[in-house]
Amino acid sequence: MTATHQLRKSVPAASPGRRERRRTETREKLFRVAMQLFAERGFFETTTEDITEAADVGQGTFFNYFPTKQHVLTVLSEKQMEKISHAREEAEAGKASIHDVLHGLMHRIAQEPGKSQALTRSLMTAFLSNDEVRQFVRNTMARGRENLGEIIKLGQKRGEIRRDRKPADLAMTFQRNTIGTLLLWAMQSEDDLDAWIEKTFYDFWSAAESR
């Protein structure tokens, strides 16, 4: 047995778990760097080369994770879905009121795209610029509405939310209000997004709460 062969045997191969963690970390890094550049420069002004240089990886690495620059936005959509799933778990645990669960969720949903008005404007435009990404986001939002509907059903059972409205309709209203507020805020002069979301939530809740 050669020394080289002995050395290869003595160094354990990266486990599937370690490889997967590295892939997850690289994907997350590319997403975070891209979002920062989109906020600073705008979506269409940012190139994949800009992203890979800032992330200190090769362009080939970028395309191992994302077919196009627009596909970076699918990560944002996934993260928003995770927030809704977490809110459903919180509601089902029963330790917080449905009011508080939905109130916190609306703020968390707005947090990532609302880091700057320029970022929000870029994201809104970019989501519409690729059919595959748009379909992915639409499907994710549909799953999000299903989870929101389950949260609202719990609110109806607990007497917090009115029962004469369909959960699916209120879930759609929640999404429309959140996205609409982000869009309107992004078109205004500099202002506090939290204040906008706070007003939007209480408009939603005044229409949804049990009478």
Protein backbone atom coordinates (compact mmCIF):
# COMPACT_ATOMS: atom_id res chain seq x y z
CA MET A 1 0.00 0.00 0.00
CA THR A 2 1.45 3.36 -1.03
CA ALA A 3 1.82 6.35 1.32
CA THR A 4 -0.64 8.28 -0.83
CA HIS A 5 -3.20 5.51 -0.55
CA GLN A 6 -2.68 5.36 3.22
CA LEU A 7 -3.19 9.13 3.46
CA ARG A 8 -6.42 8.94 1.49
CA LYS A 9 -7.68 6.21 3.78
CA SER A 10 -6.82 8.23 6.88
CA VAL A 11 -8.79 11.32 5.79
CA PRO A 12 -12.53 10.68 6.19
CA ALA A 13 -14.73 11.74 3.30
CA ALA A 14 -17.14 14.57 3.97
CA SER A 15 -20.35 13.05 5.27
CA PRO A 16 -23.59 13.65 3.33
CA GLY A 17 -24.76 15.73 6.28
CA ARG A 18 -21.69 17.96 6.12
CA ARG A 19 -21.98 18.37 2.35
CA GLU A 20 -25.62 19.28 2.67
CA ARG A 21 -24.84 21.84 5.37
CA ARG A 22 -22.21 23.41 3.15
CA ARG A 23 -24.66 23.58 0.26
CA THR A 24 -27.26 25.18 2.51
CA GLU A 25 -24.71 27.69 3.84
CA THR A 26 -23.54 28.61 0.32
CA ARG A 27 -27.10 29.02 -0.92
CA GLU A 28 -27.95 31.21 2.07
CA LYS A 29 -24.80 33.29 1.55
CA LEU A 30 -25.63 33.89 -2.11
CA PHE A 31 -29.18 34.87 -1.15
CA ARG A 32 -28.07 37.32 1.55
CA VAL A 33 -25.44 38.93 -0.66
CA ALA A 34 -27.88 39.22 -3.54
CA MET A 35 -30.54 40.83 -1.36
CA GLN A 36 -28.02 43.36 -0.07
CA LEU A 37 -26.96 44.27 -3.61
CA PHE A 38 -30.56 44.46 -4.80
CA ALA A 39 -31.24 46.91 -1.97
CA GLU A 40 -28.19 49.04 -2.80
CA ARG A 41 -28.26 48.97 -6.61
CA GLY A 42 -31.63 47.64 -7.70
CA PHE A 43 -32.45 44.21 -9.08
CA PHE A 44 -31.84 44.85 -12.76
CA GLU A 45 -28.66 46.83 -12.10
CA THR A 46 -27.15 43.91 -10.17
CA THR A 47 -25.45 41.18 -12.21
CA THR A 48 -24.68 37.60 -11.27
CA GLU A 49 -21.02 38.58 -11.48
CA ASP A 50 -21.64 41.30 -8.87
CA ILE A 51 -23.22 38.70 -6.60
CA THR A 52 -20.46 36.11 -6.98
CA GLU A 53 -17.71 38.67 -6.47
CA ALA A 54 -19.33 39.96 -3.29
CA ALA A 55 -19.92 36.39 -2.07
CA ASP A 56 -16.36 35.38 -3.06
CA VAL A 57 -17.45 32.38 -5.13
CA GLY A 58 -17.17 31.52 -8.81
CA GLN A 59 -19.98 32.23 -11.25
CA GLY A 60 -20.27 28.49 -11.84
CA THR A 61 -21.10 28.08 -8.16
CA PHE A 62 -23.96 30.57 -8.48
CA PHE A 63 -25.50 28.60 -11.35
CA ASN A 64 -25.20 25.38 -9.37
CA TYR A 65 -27.85 26.86 -7.07
CA PHE A 66 -29.89 29.24 -9.22
CA PRO A 67 -30.66 28.94 -12.95
CA THR A 68 -31.16 32.71 -13.20
CA LYS A 69 -30.79 35.78 -11.02
CA GLN A 70 -34.59 35.82 -10.57
CA HIS A 71 -34.46 32.36 -9.00
CA VAL A 72 -32.68 33.85 -5.98
CA LEU A 73 -36.10 35.20 -5.06
CA THR A 74 -37.49 31.71 -4.57
CA VAL A 75 -35.43 31.59 -1.38
CA LEU A 76 -37.27 34.65 -0.10
CA SER A 77 -40.58 32.99 -0.93
CA GLU A 78 -39.52 29.86 0.97
CA LYS A 79 -38.52 31.93 3.99
CA GLN A 80 -41.88 33.69 4.01
CA MET A 81 -43.59 30.29 3.92
CA GLU A 82 -41.52 29.14 6.88
CA LYS A 83 -42.72 32.16 8.87
CA ILE A 84 -46.34 31.29 8.15
CA SER A 85 -45.78 27.64 9.08
CA HIS A 86 -44.17 28.73 12.35
CA ALA A 87 -47.14 31.02 13.05
CA ARG A 88 -49.52 28.09 12.53
CA GLU A 89 -47.51 26.00 15.00
CA GLU A 90 -47.62 28.89 17.45
CA ALA A 91 -51.40 29.17 17.05
CA GLU A 92 -51.90 25.43 17.50
CA ALA A 93 -49.79 25.46 20.67
CA GLY A 94 -52.41 27.76 22.16
CA LYS A 95 -50.02 29.87 24.24
CA ALA A 96 -50.71 33.09 22.31
CA SER A 97 -53.93 34.66 21.11
CA ILE A 98 -54.71 34.47 17.39
CA HIS A 99 -54.61 38.26 17.39
CA ASP A 100 -51.01 38.21 18.60
CA VAL A 101 -50.01 35.40 16.23
CA LEU A 102 -51.33 37.23 13.16
CA HIS A 103 -50.05 40.59 14.35
CA GLY A 104 -46.51 39.27 14.75
CA LEU A 105 -46.72 37.38 11.48
CA MET A 106 -47.65 40.43 9.41
CA HIS A 107 -44.66 42.33 10.77
CA ARG A 108 -42.32 39.38 10.11
CA ILE A 109 -43.62 38.92 6.56
CA ALA A 110 -42.89 42.58 5.80
CA GLN A 111 -39.47 42.56 7.49
CA GLU A 112 -37.28 41.00 4.78
CA PRO A 113 -38.61 42.76 1.65
CA GLY A 114 -39.10 45.93 3.68
CA LYS A 115 -35.42 46.46 4.49
CA SER A 116 -35.48 49.35 2.06
CA GLN A 117 -37.98 50.92 -0.32
CA ALA A 118 -35.56 50.35 -3.20
CA LEU A 119 -35.42 46.65 -2.35
CA THR A 120 -39.20 46.36 -2.21
CA ARG A 121 -39.55 48.05 -5.60
CA SER A 122 -36.88 45.79 -7.08
CA LEU A 123 -38.48 42.65 -5.69
CA MET A 124 -41.97 43.52 -6.91
CA THR A 125 -40.63 44.06 -10.42
CA ALA A 126 -38.36 41.02 -10.39
CA PHE A 127 -41.09 38.64 -9.25
CA LEU A 128 -43.03 39.50 -12.39
CA SER A 129 -40.11 39.20 -14.81
CA ASN A 130 -39.77 35.40 -14.92
CA ASP A 131 -42.67 33.02 -15.58
CA GLU A 132 -41.14 30.11 -13.67
CA VAL A 133 -40.36 32.22 -10.61
CA ARG A 134 -43.79 33.84 -10.72
CA GLN A 135 -45.44 30.41 -10.78
CA PHE A 136 -43.28 29.25 -7.88
CA VAL A 137 -44.20 32.31 -5.82
CA ARG A 138 -47.88 31.94 -6.69
CA ASN A 139 -47.85 28.30 -5.54
CA THR A 140 -46.01 29.23 -2.34
CA MET A 141 -48.52 31.98 -1.61
CA ALA A 142 -51.36 29.50 -2.13
CA ARG A 143 -49.78 27.18 0.46
CA GLY A 144 -49.36 30.19 2.71
CA ARG A 145 -53.08 30.98 2.43
CA GLU A 146 -53.92 27.40 3.40
CA ASN A 147 -51.90 27.78 6.59
CA LEU A 148 -53.36 31.21 7.26
CA GLY A 149 -56.80 29.71 6.79
CA GLU A 150 -56.05 27.11 9.45
CA ILE A 151 -54.91 29.82 11.86
CA ILE A 152 -58.12 31.75 11.19
CA LYS A 153 -60.21 28.61 11.73
CA LEU A 154 -58.61 28.27 15.16
CA GLY A 155 -59.48 31.90 15.83
CA GLN A 156 -63.08 31.21 14.91
CA LYS A 157 -63.25 28.17 17.18
CA ARG A 158 -61.83 30.22 20.04
CA GLY A 159 -64.27 33.06 19.47
CA GLU A 160 -61.62 35.60 18.44
CA ILE A 161 -62.54 35.81 14.77
CA ARG A 162 -65.99 36.26 13.29
CA ARG A 163 -67.60 33.09 11.92
CA ASP A 164 -69.62 34.65 9.12
CA ARG A 165 -66.53 34.98 6.90
CA LYS A 166 -64.79 32.10 5.16
CA PRO A 167 -61.26 31.47 6.48
CA ALA A 168 -59.96 31.37 2.89
CA ASP A 169 -61.40 34.85 2.23
CA LEU A 170 -59.84 36.32 5.35
CA ALA A 171 -56.52 34.63 4.52
CA MET A 172 -56.59 36.26 1.08
CA THR A 173 -57.41 39.61 2.68
CA PHE A 174 -54.42 39.22 5.02
CA GLN A 175 -52.09 38.61 2.07
CA ARG A 176 -53.55 41.40 -0.06
CA ASN A 177 -53.29 43.88 2.78
CA THR A 178 -49.67 42.98 3.54
CA ILE A 179 -48.47 43.03 -0.07
CA GLY A 180 -50.48 46.14 -0.90
CA THR A 181 -49.03 47.98 2.06
CA LEU A 182 -45.49 47.06 1.05
CA LEU A 183 -46.11 48.29 -2.49
CA LEU A 184 -47.66 51.59 -1.41
CA TRP A 185 -44.94 52.17 1.18
CA ALA A 186 -42.25 51.54 -1.43
CA MET A 187 -43.68 54.27 -3.66
CA GLN A 188 -43.78 56.92 -0.92
CA SER A 189 -41.10 59.19 0.45
CA GLU A 190 -39.02 57.69 3.27
CA ASP A 191 -41.30 56.57 6.06
CA ASP A 192 -41.53 54.00 8.87
CA LEU A 193 -42.75 50.67 7.48
CA ASP A 194 -43.59 49.34 10.94
CA ALA A 195 -46.10 52.16 11.37
CA TRP A 196 -47.67 51.29 8.02
CA ILE A 197 -47.91 47.60 8.90
CA GLU A 198 -49.32 48.40 12.32
CA LYS A 199 -52.13 50.45 10.75
CA THR A 200 -52.77 47.77 8.13
CA PHE A 201 -53.00 45.02 10.71
CA TYR A 202 -55.55 46.87 12.81
CA ASP A 203 -57.62 47.62 9.74
CA PHE A 204 -57.55 43.90 8.97
CA TRP A 205 -58.32 42.93 12.55
CA SER A 206 -61.22 45.36 12.88
CA ALA A 207 -62.83 43.58 9.93
CA ALA A 208 -61.96 40.06 11.15
CA GLU A 209 -62.50 40.14 14.90
CA SER A 210 -65.55 38.57 16.47
CA ARG A 211 -68.35 41.01 17.13
